[in-house]
Amino acid sequence: MKLTDHELHTIISKINNIFYDKIFKDEWLKQVFAGVSEEHLRNQQTDFIVKAFGGPKRYSGRNPSDAHPHIFIQEDMWDLREKYLKEAFEESNAPEWMRKKWLDIDNAFKAAILKNSLADCSGRYRTEPIINIPNPNKNKKAA
């Protein structure tokens, strides 16, 4: 399905707003973005995905692999993020073709973003700290 640039931006923006509402309500994931403007994240992610879908090239940030080297992202964090994204697709009634393409784009960067250990992390600049937010639910016993 071919969308106008405006339609593409509108749908992707809607999905990202729902998605980031969920991220910033999550006690674990919101800590990853402490001190970062929610509006900036929403706009950057929207521009990135619009560009990836062939829309206007407004995104001027780093590639995902270069934007996240300082964050210790493991499979459980990735999975929770993906869960929220899929919920945002559902809540926004995103077309199935868009959901598939978006997940394909995300998964193309997965190997470059996930880390096996803290030693795999590095600051984007010399004084940048490594962000390591342990999963608060990892060691909780099932009730």
C-alpha atoms as a PDB file:
ATOM      1  CA  MET A   1       0.000   0.000   0.000  1.00  0.00           C
ATOM      2  CA  LYS A   2       1.365   3.377  -0.975  1.00  0.00           C
ATOM      3  CA  LEU A   3       0.857   6.164   1.538  1.00  0.00           C
ATOM      4  CA  THR A   4       1.553   9.838   1.091  1.00  0.00           C
ATOM      5  CA  ASP A   5       4.480  11.158   3.121  1.00  0.00           C
ATOM      6  CA  HIS A   6       2.005  12.908   5.406  1.00  0.00           C
ATOM      7  CA  GLU A   7      -0.039   9.735   5.967  1.00  0.00           C
ATOM      8  CA  LEU A   8       3.117   7.709   6.631  1.00  0.00           C
ATOM      9  CA  HIS A   9       4.386  10.266   9.145  1.00  0.00           C
ATOM     10  CA  THR A  10       0.983  10.473  10.861  1.00  0.00           C
ATOM     11  CA  ILE A  11       0.657   6.705  11.332  1.00  0.00           C
ATOM     12  CA  ILE A  12       4.255   6.222  12.475  1.00  0.00           C
ATOM     13  CA  SER A  13       4.008   9.175  14.856  1.00  0.00           C
ATOM     14  CA  LYS A  14       0.827   7.728  16.360  1.00  0.00           C
ATOM     15  CA  ILE A  15       2.474   4.341  16.885  1.00  0.00           C
ATOM     16  CA  ASN A  16       5.571   5.929  18.419  1.00  0.00           C
ATOM     17  CA  ASN A  17       3.525   8.076  20.786  1.00  0.00           C
ATOM     18  CA  ILE A  18       1.669   5.025  22.091  1.00  0.00           C
ATOM     19  CA  PHE A  19       4.938   3.081  22.256  1.00  0.00           C
ATOM     20  CA  TYR A  20       6.850   5.755  24.188  1.00  0.00           C
ATOM     21  CA  ASP A  21       3.907   6.268  26.555  1.00  0.00           C
ATOM     22  CA  LYS A  22       4.391   2.604  27.475  1.00  0.00           C
ATOM     23  CA  ILE A  23       8.184   2.880  27.696  1.00  0.00           C
ATOM     24  CA  PHE A  24       8.008   5.872  30.030  1.00  0.00           C
ATOM     25  CA  LYS A  25       5.463   4.144  32.273  1.00  0.00           C
ATOM     26  CA  ASP A  26       7.625   1.046  32.600  1.00  0.00           C
ATOM     27  CA  GLU A  27       9.717   1.213  35.786  1.00  0.00           C
ATOM     28  CA  TRP A  28      12.660  -0.536  34.137  1.00  0.00           C
ATOM     29  CA  LEU A  29      12.815   0.855  30.611  1.00  0.00           C
ATOM     30  CA  LYS A  30      12.176   4.472  31.539  1.00  0.00           C
ATOM     31  CA  GLN A  31      15.453   4.436  33.485  1.00  0.00           C
ATOM     32  CA  VAL A  32      17.389   3.813  30.276  1.00  0.00           C
ATOM     33  CA  PHE A  33      16.230   7.209  29.011  1.00  0.00           C
ATOM     34  CA  ALA A  34      16.667   9.194  32.218  1.00  0.00           C
ATOM     35  CA  GLY A  35      17.649  12.745  31.364  1.00  0.00           C
ATOM     36  CA  VAL A  36      16.661  12.426  27.699  1.00  0.00           C
ATOM     37  CA  SER A  37      13.780  14.459  26.344  1.00  0.00           C
ATOM     38  CA  GLU A  38      10.734  12.308  25.613  1.00  0.00           C
ATOM     39  CA  GLU A  39       9.811  14.635  22.768  1.00  0.00           C
ATOM     40  CA  HIS A  40      13.274  14.255  21.266  1.00  0.00           C
ATOM     41  CA  LEU A  41      13.063  10.444  21.425  1.00  0.00           C
ATOM     42  CA  ARG A  42       9.619  10.386  19.863  1.00  0.00           C
ATOM     43  CA  ASN A  43      10.656  12.727  17.063  1.00  0.00           C
ATOM     44  CA  GLN A  44      13.950  10.940  16.376  1.00  0.00           C
ATOM     45  CA  GLN A  45      12.323   7.507  16.271  1.00  0.00           C
ATOM     46  CA  THR A  46       9.504   8.768  14.057  1.00  0.00           C
ATOM     47  CA  ASP A  47      11.944  10.381  11.625  1.00  0.00           C
ATOM     48  CA  PHE A  48      14.116   7.243  11.611  1.00  0.00           C
ATOM     49  CA  ILE A  49      11.225   4.880  10.838  1.00  0.00           C
ATOM     50  CA  VAL A  50       9.693   7.237   8.258  1.00  0.00           C
ATOM     51  CA  LYS A  51      13.072   7.308   6.484  1.00  0.00           C
ATOM     52  CA  ALA A  52      13.370   3.495   6.723  1.00  0.00           C
ATOM     53  CA  PHE A  53       9.940   3.207   5.106  1.00  0.00           C
ATOM     54  CA  GLY A  54      11.084   5.357   2.187  1.00  0.00           C
ATOM     55  CA  GLY A  55       9.587   8.627   3.358  1.00  0.00           C
ATOM     56  CA  PRO A  56      11.310  12.000   3.696  1.00  0.00           C
ATOM     57  CA  LYS A  57      14.836  11.801   5.048  1.00  0.00           C
ATOM     58  CA  ARG A  58      14.542  14.104   8.075  1.00  0.00           C
ATOM     59  CA  TYR A  59      16.410  11.783  10.446  1.00  0.00           C
ATOM     60  CA  SER A  60      19.865  13.116  11.204  1.00  0.00           C
ATOM     61  CA  GLY A  61      20.822  10.960  14.175  1.00  0.00           C
ATOM     62  CA  ARG A  62      23.122   7.980  14.441  1.00  0.00           C
ATOM     63  CA  ASN A  63      22.426   4.520  13.115  1.00  0.00           C
ATOM     64  CA  PRO A  64      20.968   2.288  15.856  1.00  0.00           C
ATOM     65  CA  SER A  65      24.224   0.364  16.319  1.00  0.00           C
ATOM     66  CA  ASP A  66      26.111   3.654  16.807  1.00  0.00           C
ATOM     67  CA  ALA A  67      23.414   5.212  19.002  1.00  0.00           C
ATOM     68  CA  HIS A  68      23.302   2.437  21.619  1.00  0.00           C
ATOM     69  CA  PRO A  69      26.874   1.225  22.348  1.00  0.00           C
ATOM     70  CA  HIS A  70      26.703   2.676  25.863  1.00  0.00           C
ATOM     71  CA  ILE A  71      23.522   0.808  26.844  1.00  0.00           C
ATOM     72  CA  PHE A  72      23.727  -2.755  28.164  1.00  0.00           C
ATOM     73  CA  ILE A  73      20.820  -4.169  26.180  1.00  0.00           C
ATOM     74  CA  GLN A  74      20.124  -7.853  26.617  1.00  0.00           C
ATOM     75  CA  GLU A  75      17.470 -10.128  25.162  1.00  0.00           C
ATOM     76  CA  ASP A  76      14.966  -9.545  28.004  1.00  0.00           C
ATOM     77  CA  MET A  77      15.093  -5.767  27.473  1.00  0.00           C
ATOM     78  CA  TRP A  78      14.730  -6.223  23.712  1.00  0.00           C
ATOM     79  CA  ASP A  79      11.759  -8.550  24.208  1.00  0.00           C
ATOM     80  CA  LEU A  80       9.945  -6.126  26.518  1.00  0.00           C
ATOM     81  CA  ARG A  81      10.540  -3.274  24.089  1.00  0.00           C
ATOM     82  CA  GLU A  82       9.168  -5.413  21.251  1.00  0.00           C
ATOM     83  CA  LYS A  83       6.116  -6.334  23.350  1.00  0.00           C
ATOM     84  CA  TYR A  84       5.312  -2.633  23.807  1.00  0.00           C
ATOM     85  CA  LEU A  85       5.855  -1.964  20.118  1.00  0.00           C
ATOM     86  CA  LYS A  86       3.451  -4.761  19.151  1.00  0.00           C
ATOM     87  CA  GLU A  87       0.892  -3.381  21.626  1.00  0.00           C
ATOM     88  CA  ALA A  88       1.299   0.039  20.008  1.00  0.00           C
ATOM     89  CA  PHE A  89       0.691  -1.521  16.589  1.00  0.00           C
ATOM     90  CA  GLU A  90      -2.478  -3.106  17.899  1.00  0.00           C
ATOM     91  CA  GLU A  91      -3.765  -0.017  19.697  1.00  0.00           C
ATOM     92  CA  SER A  92      -3.123   2.191  16.672  1.00  0.00           C
ATOM     93  CA  ASN A  93      -4.661  -0.296  14.219  1.00  0.00           C
ATOM     94  CA  ALA A  94      -1.454  -0.249  12.185  1.00  0.00           C
ATOM     95  CA  PRO A  95      -1.749  -2.161   8.919  1.00  0.00           C
ATOM     96  CA  GLU A  96      -0.252  -5.651   8.959  1.00  0.00           C
ATOM     97  CA  TRP A  97       2.259  -4.851   6.199  1.00  0.00           C
ATOM     98  CA  MET A  98       3.577  -1.946   8.282  1.00  0.00           C
ATOM     99  CA  ARG A  99       3.935  -4.069  11.412  1.00  0.00           C
ATOM    100  CA  LYS A 100       5.923  -6.688   9.509  1.00  0.00           C
ATOM    101  CA  LYS A 101       8.191  -4.173   7.797  1.00  0.00           C
ATOM    102  CA  TRP A 102       8.827  -2.296  11.061  1.00  0.00           C
ATOM    103  CA  LEU A 103       9.764  -5.499  12.909  1.00  0.00           C
ATOM    104  CA  ASP A 104      11.999  -6.500   9.987  1.00  0.00           C
ATOM    105  CA  ILE A 105      13.773  -3.134  10.275  1.00  0.00           C
ATOM    106  CA  ASP A 106      14.165  -3.537  14.036  1.00  0.00           C
ATOM    107  CA  ASN A 107      15.455  -7.082  13.737  1.00  0.00           C
ATOM    108  CA  ALA A 108      18.024  -6.038  11.137  1.00  0.00           C
ATOM    109  CA  PHE A 109      19.734  -4.037  13.910  1.00  0.00           C
ATOM    110  CA  LYS A 110      19.187  -6.506  16.754  1.00  0.00           C
ATOM    111  CA  ALA A 111      22.567  -8.268  16.596  1.00  0.00           C
ATOM    112  CA  ALA A 112      24.404  -4.933  16.571  1.00  0.00           C
ATOM    113  CA  ILE A 113      22.450  -3.579  19.544  1.00  0.00           C
ATOM    114  CA  LEU A 114      22.307  -6.549  21.923  1.00  0.00           C
ATOM    115  CA  LYS A 115      25.259  -7.050  24.265  1.00  0.00           C
ATOM    116  CA  ASN A 116      26.525 -10.268  25.865  1.00  0.00           C
ATOM    117  CA  SER A 117      28.316  -8.484  28.696  1.00  0.00           C
ATOM    118  CA  LEU A 118      29.158  -5.048  30.032  1.00  0.00           C
ATOM    119  CA  ALA A 119      32.535  -5.423  28.314  1.00  0.00           C
ATOM    120  CA  ASP A 120      30.668  -5.125  24.992  1.00  0.00           C
ATOM    121  CA  CYS A 121      29.555  -1.590  25.925  1.00  0.00           C
ATOM    122  CA  SER A 122      31.454   1.596  25.219  1.00  0.00           C
ATOM    123  CA  GLY A 123      30.650   5.272  25.510  1.00  0.00           C
ATOM    124  CA  ARG A 124      29.882   7.187  22.345  1.00  0.00           C
ATOM    125  CA  TYR A 125      32.358   9.715  23.659  1.00  0.00           C
ATOM    126  CA  ARG A 126      35.115   9.379  26.272  1.00  0.00           C
ATOM    127  CA  THR A 127      33.258  10.626  29.355  1.00  0.00           C
ATOM    128  CA  GLU A 128      29.916   8.943  28.656  1.00  0.00           C
ATOM    129  CA  PRO A 129      28.884   6.432  31.323  1.00  0.00           C
ATOM    130  CA  ILE A 130      27.666   2.949  30.520  1.00  0.00           C
ATOM    131  CA  ILE A 131      23.938   2.522  31.158  1.00  0.00           C
ATOM    132  CA  ASN A 132      23.288  -0.749  32.957  1.00  0.00           C
ATOM    133  CA  ILE A 133      19.798  -0.984  34.410  1.00  0.00           C
ATOM    134  CA  PRO A 134      19.219  -4.486  35.809  1.00  0.00           C
ATOM    135  CA  ASN A 135      15.858  -6.055  35.084  1.00  0.00           C
ATOM    136  CA  PRO A 136      13.890  -5.675  38.354  1.00  0.00           C
ATOM    137  CA  ASN A 137      11.751  -8.688  37.442  1.00  0.00           C
ATOM    138  CA  LYS A 138      14.581 -11.074  36.572  1.00  0.00           C
ATOM    139  CA  ASN A 139      15.095 -12.556  40.011  1.00  0.00           C
ATOM    140  CA  LYS A 140      11.536 -12.359  41.286  1.00  0.00           C
ATOM    141  CA  LYS A 141      10.083 -15.748  42.032  1.00  0.00           C
ATOM    142  CA  ALA A 142       6.778 -16.686  40.466  1.00  0.00           C
ATOM    143  CA  ALA A 143       3.972 -16.320  42.953  1.00  0.00           C
END
